[in-house]
Amino acid sequence: MTLALRSHAVVDRNHAITLQVPDLHPGDKVEVIVLVEQGAQAEKKGDQSFLDAIAGIEIDAPPDYSTTFEDNLYSHRRDP
């Protein structure tokens, strides 16, 4: 059985994260995925987030591009 848990934690001075989850028992095997909140990192560094960086990008494409991009991408595959 797969159990998915979501919890927020703060890294302490020792670069450690402590989670107390009653559903986990000593000896349980777990897979840990760490997602770092970009907002917190960007504020510290003064950098833009990825979303802020691409927000100003303008793409010159036809209005129906999102539905016809495959026709343009694979134009060599068109049936005669």
PDB file of N, CA and C in Angstrom:
ATOM      1  N   MET A   1       0.845  -1.178   0.000  1.00  0.00           N
ATOM      2  CA  MET A   1       0.000   0.000   0.000  1.00  0.00           C
ATOM      3  C   MET A   1       0.892   1.244   0.000  1.00  0.00           C
ATOM      4  N   THR A   2       0.525   2.220  -0.806  1.00  0.00           N
ATOM      5  CA  THR A   2       1.264   3.471  -0.859  1.00  0.00           C
ATOM      6  C   THR A   2       0.517   4.521  -0.062  1.00  0.00           C
ATOM      7  N   LEU A   3       1.225   5.200   0.800  1.00  0.00           N
ATOM      8  CA  LEU A   3       0.657   6.259   1.619  1.00  0.00           C
ATOM      9  C   LEU A   3       1.354   7.557   1.239  1.00  0.00           C
ATOM     10  N   ALA A   4       0.593   8.559   0.852  1.00  0.00           N
ATOM     11  CA  ALA A   4       1.171   9.855   0.497  1.00  0.00           C
ATOM     12  C   ALA A   4       0.900  10.844   1.622  1.00  0.00           C
ATOM     13  N   LEU A   5       1.952  11.452   2.106  1.00  0.00           N
ATOM     14  CA  LEU A   5       1.840  12.445   3.180  1.00  0.00           C
ATOM     15  C   LEU A   5       2.404  13.760   2.677  1.00  0.00           C
ATOM     16  N   ARG A   6       1.757  14.842   3.040  1.00  0.00           N
ATOM     17  CA  ARG A   6       2.289  16.155   2.684  1.00  0.00           C
ATOM     18  C   ARG A   6       2.426  16.965   3.964  1.00  0.00           C
ATOM     19  N   SER A   7       3.587  17.533   4.145  1.00  0.00           N
ATOM     20  CA  SER A   7       3.842  18.303   5.343  1.00  0.00           C
ATOM     21  C   SER A   7       4.844  19.405   5.013  1.00  0.00           C
ATOM     22  N   HIS A   8       4.710  20.536   5.653  1.00  0.00           N
ATOM     23  CA  HIS A   8       5.669  21.615   5.483  1.00  0.00           C
ATOM     24  C   HIS A   8       6.618  21.616   6.672  1.00  0.00           C
ATOM     25  N   ALA A   9       7.871  21.905   6.385  1.00  0.00           N
ATOM     26  CA  ALA A   9       8.874  21.928   7.445  1.00  0.00           C
ATOM     27  C   ALA A   9       9.861  23.043   7.151  1.00  0.00           C
ATOM     28  N   VAL A  10      10.587  23.445   8.168  1.00  0.00           N
ATOM     29  CA  VAL A  10      11.611  24.470   8.034  1.00  0.00           C
ATOM     30  C   VAL A  10      12.953  23.816   8.346  1.00  0.00           C
ATOM     31  N   VAL A  11      13.938  24.114   7.527  1.00  0.00           N
ATOM     32  CA  VAL A  11      15.278  23.568   7.741  1.00  0.00           C
ATOM     33  C   VAL A  11      15.898  24.300   8.928  1.00  0.00           C
ATOM     34  N   ASP A  12      16.454  23.527   9.874  1.00  0.00           N
ATOM     35  CA  ASP A  12      17.051  24.168  11.048  1.00  0.00           C
ATOM     36  C   ASP A  12      18.518  24.519  10.793  1.00  0.00           C
ATOM     37  N   ARG A  13      19.198  25.048  11.819  1.00  0.00           N
ATOM     38  CA  ARG A  13      20.588  25.484  11.680  1.00  0.00           C
ATOM     39  C   ARG A  13      21.541  24.354  11.306  1.00  0.00           C
ATOM     40  N   ASN A  14      21.146  23.127  11.622  1.00  0.00           N
ATOM     41  CA  ASN A  14      21.974  21.961  11.307  1.00  0.00           C
ATOM     42  C   ASN A  14      21.639  21.372   9.936  1.00  0.00           C
ATOM     43  N   HIS A  15      20.849  22.124   9.156  1.00  0.00           N
ATOM     44  CA  HIS A  15      20.417  21.676   7.834  1.00  0.00           C
ATOM     45  C   HIS A  15      19.570  20.404   7.915  1.00  0.00           C
ATOM     46  N   ALA A  16      18.803  20.281   8.990  1.00  0.00           N
ATOM     47  CA  ALA A  16      17.972  19.104   9.200  1.00  0.00           C
ATOM     48  C   ALA A  16      16.497  19.471   9.153  1.00  0.00           C
ATOM     49  N   ILE A  17      15.694  18.515   8.752  1.00  0.00           N
ATOM     50  CA  ILE A  17      14.239  18.665   8.743  1.00  0.00           C
ATOM     51  C   ILE A  17      13.673  17.555   9.610  1.00  0.00           C
ATOM     52  N   THR A  18      12.813  17.904  10.539  1.00  0.00           N
ATOM     53  CA  THR A  18      12.212  16.916  11.423  1.00  0.00           C
ATOM     54  C   THR A  18      10.718  16.850  11.156  1.00  0.00           C
ATOM     55  N   LEU A  19      10.233  15.660  10.881  1.00  0.00           N
ATOM     56  CA  LEU A  19       8.798  15.437  10.693  1.00  0.00           C
ATOM     57  C   LEU A  19       8.350  14.373  11.682  1.00  0.00           C
ATOM     58  N   GLN A  20       7.244  14.624  12.326  1.00  0.00           N
ATOM     59  CA  GLN A  20       6.676  13.626  13.211  1.00  0.00           C
ATOM     60  C   GLN A  20       5.346  13.202  12.604  1.00  0.00           C
ATOM     61  N   VAL A  21       5.312  11.983  12.087  1.00  0.00           N
ATOM     62  CA  VAL A  21       4.122  11.475  11.408  1.00  0.00           C
ATOM     63  C   VAL A  21       3.680  10.193  12.107  1.00  0.00           C
ATOM     64  N   PRO A  22       2.522  10.220  12.761  1.00  0.00           N
ATOM     65  CA  PRO A  22       2.062   9.040  13.500  1.00  0.00           C
ATOM     66  C   PRO A  22       1.853   7.809  12.615  1.00  0.00           C
ATOM     67  N   ASP A  23       1.609   8.023  11.310  1.00  0.00           N
ATOM     68  CA  ASP A  23       1.364   6.889  10.415  1.00  0.00           C
ATOM     69  C   ASP A  23       2.635   6.125  10.054  1.00  0.00           C
ATOM     70  N   LEU A  24       3.814   6.683  10.368  1.00  0.00           N
ATOM     71  CA  LEU A  24       5.076   6.019  10.079  1.00  0.00           C
ATOM     72  C   LEU A  24       5.606   5.338  11.332  1.00  0.00           C
ATOM     73  N   HIS A  25       6.210   4.183  11.124  1.00  0.00           N
ATOM     74  CA  HIS A  25       6.720   3.413  12.254  1.00  0.00           C
ATOM     75  C   HIS A  25       8.210   3.144  12.047  1.00  0.00           C
ATOM     76  N   PRO A  26       8.964   2.941  13.121  1.00  0.00           N
ATOM     77  CA  PRO A  26      10.387   2.612  12.977  1.00  0.00           C
ATOM     78  C   PRO A  26      10.553   1.407  12.054  1.00  0.00           C
ATOM     79  N   GLY A  27      11.488   1.526  11.115  1.00  0.00           N
ATOM     80  CA  GLY A  27      11.749   0.444  10.177  1.00  0.00           C
ATOM     81  C   GLY A  27      10.989   0.567   8.869  1.00  0.00           C
ATOM     82  N   ASP A  28       9.986   1.489   8.798  1.00  0.00           N
ATOM     83  CA  ASP A  28       9.265   1.699   7.537  1.00  0.00           C
ATOM     84  C   ASP A  28      10.232   2.251   6.498  1.00  0.00           C
ATOM     85  N   LYS A  29      10.092   1.762   5.270  1.00  0.00           N
ATOM     86  CA  LYS A  29      10.890   2.316   4.175  1.00  0.00           C
ATOM     87  C   LYS A  29      10.091   3.447   3.556  1.00  0.00           C
ATOM     88  N   VAL A  30      10.747   4.582   3.339  1.00  0.00           N
ATOM     89  CA  VAL A  30      10.073   5.756   2.785  1.00  0.00           C
ATOM     90  C   VAL A  30      10.886   6.318   1.624  1.00  0.00           C
ATOM     91  N   GLU A  31      10.205   7.011   0.749  1.00  0.00           N
ATOM     92  CA  GLU A  31      10.857   7.764  -0.315  1.00  0.00           C
ATOM     93  C   GLU A  31      10.580   9.227  -0.004  1.00  0.00           C
ATOM     94  N   VAL A  32      11.625  10.037   0.004  1.00  0.00           N
ATOM     95  CA  VAL A  32      11.493  11.436   0.377  1.00  0.00           C
ATOM     96  C   VAL A  32      11.762  12.308  -0.853  1.00  0.00           C
ATOM     97  N   ILE A  33      10.842  13.206  -1.130  1.00  0.00           N
ATOM     98  CA  ILE A  33      11.006  14.169  -2.210  1.00  0.00           C
ATOM     99  C   ILE A  33      10.943  15.547  -1.574  1.00  0.00           C
ATOM    100  N   VAL A  34      11.950  16.363  -1.797  1.00  0.00           N
ATOM    101  CA  VAL A  34      12.014  17.691  -1.195  1.00  0.00           C
ATOM    102  C   VAL A  34      11.744  18.734  -2.272  1.00  0.00           C
ATOM    103  N   LEU A  35      10.750  19.565  -2.056  1.00  0.00           N
ATOM    104  CA  LEU A  35      10.429  20.668  -2.956  1.00  0.00           C
ATOM    105  C   LEU A  35      10.734  21.962  -2.217  1.00  0.00           C
ATOM    106  N   VAL A  36      11.649  22.743  -2.743  1.00  0.00           N
ATOM    107  CA  VAL A  36      12.024  24.004  -2.109  1.00  0.00           C
ATOM    108  C   VAL A  36      11.136  25.093  -2.676  1.00  0.00           C
ATOM    109  N   GLU A  37      10.520  25.879  -1.813  1.00  0.00           N
ATOM    110  CA  GLU A  37       9.656  26.963  -2.258  1.00  0.00           C
ATOM    111  C   GLU A  37      10.513  28.027  -2.919  1.00  0.00           C
ATOM    112  N   GLN A  38      10.252  28.289  -4.183  1.00  0.00           N
ATOM    113  CA  GLN A  38      11.039  29.250  -4.937  1.00  0.00           C
ATOM    114  C   GLN A  38      10.932  30.652  -4.362  1.00  0.00           C
ATOM    115  N   GLY A  39       9.782  31.047  -3.875  1.00  0.00           N
ATOM    116  CA  GLY A  39       9.612  32.393  -3.348  1.00  0.00           C
ATOM    117  C   GLY A  39      10.595  32.698  -2.243  1.00  0.00           C
ATOM    118  N   ALA A  40      10.795  31.774  -1.347  1.00  0.00           N
ATOM    119  CA  ALA A  40      11.705  31.981  -0.225  1.00  0.00           C
ATOM    120  C   ALA A  40      13.143  32.089  -0.707  1.00  0.00           C
ATOM    121  N   GLN A  41      13.536  31.258  -1.651  1.00  0.00           N
ATOM    122  CA  GLN A  41      14.898  31.306  -2.167  1.00  0.00           C
ATOM    123  C   GLN A  41      15.129  32.584  -2.964  1.00  0.00           C
ATOM    124  N   ALA A  42      14.165  32.991  -3.765  1.00  0.00           N
ATOM    125  CA  ALA A  42      14.333  34.183  -4.595  1.00  0.00           C
ATOM    126  C   ALA A  42      14.451  35.436  -3.736  1.00  0.00           C
ATOM    127  N   GLU A  43      13.695  35.494  -2.637  1.00  0.00           N
ATOM    128  CA  GLU A  43      13.777  36.663  -1.751  1.00  0.00           C
ATOM    129  C   GLU A  43      15.155  36.775  -1.128  1.00  0.00           C
ATOM    130  N   LYS A  44      15.731  35.636  -0.769  1.00  0.00           N
ATOM    131  CA  LYS A  44      17.048  35.656  -0.152  1.00  0.00           C
ATOM    132  C   LYS A  44      18.105  36.119  -1.144  1.00  0.00           C
ATOM    133  N   LYS A  45      18.018  35.646  -2.382  1.00  0.00           N
ATOM    134  CA  LYS A  45      19.034  35.948  -3.385  1.00  0.00           C
ATOM    135  C   LYS A  45      18.734  37.221  -4.154  1.00  0.00           C
ATOM    136  N   GLY A  46      17.502  37.687  -4.117  1.00  0.00           N
ATOM    137  CA  GLY A  46      17.134  38.853  -4.903  1.00  0.00           C
ATOM    138  C   GLY A  46      16.904  38.509  -6.364  1.00  0.00           C
ATOM    139  N   ASP A  47      16.844  37.225  -6.689  1.00  0.00           N
ATOM    140  CA  ASP A  47      16.622  36.771  -8.056  1.00  0.00           C
ATOM    141  C   ASP A  47      15.138  36.737  -8.380  1.00  0.00           C
ATOM    142  N   GLN A  48      14.851  36.686  -9.690  1.00  0.00           N
ATOM    143  CA  GLN A  48      13.477  36.504 -10.130  1.00  0.00           C
ATOM    144  C   GLN A  48      13.152  35.021 -10.111  1.00  0.00           C
ATOM    145  N   SER A  49      11.884  34.710  -9.856  1.00  0.00           N
ATOM    146  CA  SER A  49      11.458  33.326  -9.989  1.00  0.00           C
ATOM    147  C   SER A  49      11.314  33.017 -11.469  1.00  0.00           C
ATOM    148  N   PHE A  50      11.227  31.753 -11.807  1.00  0.00           N
ATOM    149  CA  PHE A  50      11.056  31.346 -13.197  1.00  0.00           C
ATOM    150  C   PHE A  50       9.794  31.953 -13.785  1.00  0.00           C
ATOM    151  N   LEU A  51       8.690  31.927 -13.031  1.00  0.00           N
ATOM    152  CA  LEU A  51       7.435  32.476 -13.540  1.00  0.00           C
ATOM    153  C   LEU A  51       7.526  33.980 -13.768  1.00  0.00           C
ATOM    154  N   ASP A  52       8.217  34.690 -12.872  1.00  0.00           N
ATOM    155  CA  ASP A  52       8.407  36.132 -13.072  1.00  0.00           C
ATOM    156  C   ASP A  52       9.257  36.405 -14.311  1.00  0.00           C
ATOM    157  N   ALA A  53      10.256  35.571 -14.525  1.00  0.00           N
ATOM    158  CA  ALA A  53      11.153  35.771 -15.658  1.00  0.00           C
ATOM    159  C   ALA A  53      10.451  35.559 -16.990  1.00  0.00           C
ATOM    160  N   ILE A  54       9.544  34.590 -17.064  1.00  0.00           N
ATOM    161  CA  ILE A  54       8.881  34.323 -18.340  1.00  0.00           C
ATOM    162  C   ILE A  54       7.583  35.109 -18.519  1.00  0.00           C
ATOM    163  N   ALA A  55       7.153  35.817 -17.502  1.00  0.00           N
ATOM    164  CA  ALA A  55       5.889  36.562 -17.592  1.00  0.00           C
ATOM    165  C   ALA A  55       5.913  37.610 -18.691  1.00  0.00           C
ATOM    166  N   GLY A  56       7.057  38.196 -18.957  1.00  0.00           N
ATOM    167  CA  GLY A  56       7.140  39.249 -19.957  1.00  0.00           C
ATOM    168  C   GLY A  56       7.468  38.765 -21.363  1.00  0.00           C
ATOM    169  N   ILE A  57       7.603  37.469 -21.549  1.00  0.00           N
ATOM    170  CA  ILE A  57       7.939  36.937 -22.871  1.00  0.00           C
ATOM    171  C   ILE A  57       6.717  36.994 -23.776  1.00  0.00           C
ATOM    172  N   GLU A  58       6.918  37.541 -24.962  1.00  0.00           N
ATOM    173  CA  GLU A  58       5.845  37.591 -25.947  1.00  0.00           C
ATOM    174  C   GLU A  58       6.191  36.662 -27.097  1.00  0.00           C
ATOM    175  N   ILE A  59       5.234  35.833 -27.483  1.00  0.00           N
ATOM    176  CA  ILE A  59       5.445  34.889 -28.571  1.00  0.00           C
ATOM    177  C   ILE A  59       4.571  35.316 -29.741  1.00  0.00           C
ATOM    178  N   ASP A  60       5.194  35.464 -30.899  1.00  0.00           N
ATOM    179  CA  ASP A  60       4.473  35.838 -32.106  1.00  0.00           C
ATOM    180  C   ASP A  60       3.972  34.559 -32.761  1.00  0.00           C
ATOM    181  N   ALA A  61       2.703  34.269 -32.589  1.00  0.00           N
ATOM    182  CA  ALA A  61       2.103  33.059 -33.146  1.00  0.00           C
ATOM    183  C   ALA A  61       0.642  33.346 -33.480  1.00  0.00           C
ATOM    184  N   PRO A  62       0.071  32.578 -34.413  1.00  0.00           N
ATOM    185  CA  PRO A  62      -1.334  32.768 -34.741  1.00  0.00           C
ATOM    186  C   PRO A  62      -2.221  32.469 -33.530  1.00  0.00           C
ATOM    187  N   PRO A  63      -3.431  33.049 -33.469  1.00  0.00           N
ATOM    188  CA  PRO A  63      -4.312  32.834 -32.318  1.00  0.00           C
ATOM    189  C   PRO A  63      -4.663  31.363 -32.076  1.00  0.00           C
ATOM    190  N   ASP A  64      -4.685  30.542 -33.136  1.00  0.00           N
ATOM    191  CA  ASP A  64      -5.055  29.135 -32.970  1.00  0.00           C
ATOM    192  C   ASP A  64      -3.837  28.223 -32.826  1.00  0.00           C
ATOM    193  N   TYR A  65      -2.686  28.795 -32.513  1.00  0.00           N
ATOM    194  CA  TYR A  65      -1.446  28.017 -32.446  1.00  0.00           C
ATOM    195  C   TYR A  65      -1.539  26.858 -31.465  1.00  0.00           C
ATOM    196  N   SER A  66      -2.204  27.048 -30.340  1.00  0.00           N
ATOM    197  CA  SER A  66      -2.258  25.983 -29.333  1.00  0.00           C
ATOM    198  C   SER A  66      -3.006  24.757 -29.829  1.00  0.00           C
ATOM    199  N   THR A  67      -3.866  24.924 -30.818  1.00  0.00           N
ATOM    200  CA  THR A  67      -4.607  23.769 -31.347  1.00  0.00           C
ATOM    201  C   THR A  67      -4.054  23.277 -32.676  1.00  0.00           C
ATOM    202  N   THR A  68      -3.205  24.076 -33.333  1.00  0.00           N
ATOM    203  CA  THR A  68      -2.681  23.667 -34.642  1.00  0.00           C
ATOM    204  C   THR A  68      -1.161  23.551 -34.673  1.00  0.00           C
ATOM    205  N   PHE A  69      -0.506  23.583 -33.527  1.00  0.00           N
ATOM    206  CA  PHE A  69       0.955  23.564 -33.530  1.00  0.00           C
ATOM    207  C   PHE A  69       1.511  22.290 -34.155  1.00  0.00           C
ATOM    208  N   GLU A  70       0.792  21.165 -34.021  1.00  0.00           N
ATOM    209  CA  GLU A  70       1.292  19.916 -34.605  1.00  0.00           C
ATOM    210  C   GLU A  70       1.308  19.987 -36.130  1.00  0.00           C
ATOM    211  N   ASP A  71       0.341  20.686 -36.710  1.00  0.00           N
ATOM    212  CA  ASP A  71       0.327  20.851 -38.166  1.00  0.00           C
ATOM    213  C   ASP A  71       1.584  21.578 -38.628  1.00  0.00           C
ATOM    214  N   ASN A  72       1.998  22.605 -37.878  1.00  0.00           N
ATOM    215  CA  ASN A  72       3.203  23.357 -38.226  1.00  0.00           C
ATOM    216  C   ASN A  72       4.472  22.573 -37.901  1.00  0.00           C
ATOM    217  N   LEU A  73       4.436  21.860 -36.798  1.00  0.00           N
ATOM    218  CA  LEU A  73       5.609  21.117 -36.352  1.00  0.00           C
ATOM    219  C   LEU A  73       5.911  19.943 -37.279  1.00  0.00           C
ATOM    220  N   TYR A  74       4.854  19.265 -37.709  1.00  0.00           N
ATOM    221  CA  TYR A  74       5.018  18.083 -38.560  1.00  0.00           C
ATOM    222  C   TYR A  74       4.494  18.345 -39.974  1.00  0.00           C
ATOM    223  N   SER A  75       4.796  19.513 -40.538  1.00  0.00           N
ATOM    224  CA  SER A  75       4.291  19.878 -41.853  1.00  0.00           C
ATOM    225  C   SER A  75       4.774  18.914 -42.936  1.00  0.00           C
ATOM    226  N   HIS A  76       5.936  18.299 -42.748  1.00  0.00           N
ATOM    227  CA  HIS A  76       6.460  17.360 -43.729  1.00  0.00           C
ATOM    228  C   HIS A  76       5.680  16.049 -43.755  1.00  0.00           C
ATOM    229  N   ARG A  77       4.842  15.782 -42.771  1.00  0.00           N
ATOM    230  CA  ARG A  77       4.068  14.553 -42.700  1.00  0.00           C
ATOM    231  C   ARG A  77       2.667  14.671 -43.274  1.00  0.00           C
ATOM    232  N   ARG A  78       2.326  15.818 -43.793  1.00  0.00           N
ATOM    233  CA  ARG A  78       0.968  16.027 -44.289  1.00  0.00           C
ATOM    234  C   ARG A  78       0.661  15.097 -45.451  1.00  0.00           C
ATOM    235  N   ASP A  79      -0.589  14.629 -45.465  1.00  0.00           N
ATOM    236  CA  ASP A  79      -1.039  13.805 -46.584  1.00  0.00           C
ATOM    237  C   ASP A  79      -1.348  14.688 -47.778  1.00  0.00           C
ATOM    238  N   PRO A  80      -0.994  14.244 -48.997  1.00  0.00           N
ATOM    239  CA  PRO A  80      -1.269  15.075 -50.187  1.00  0.00           C
ATOM    240  C   PRO A  80      -2.747  15.176 -50.480  1.00  0.00           C
TER     241      PRO A  80
END
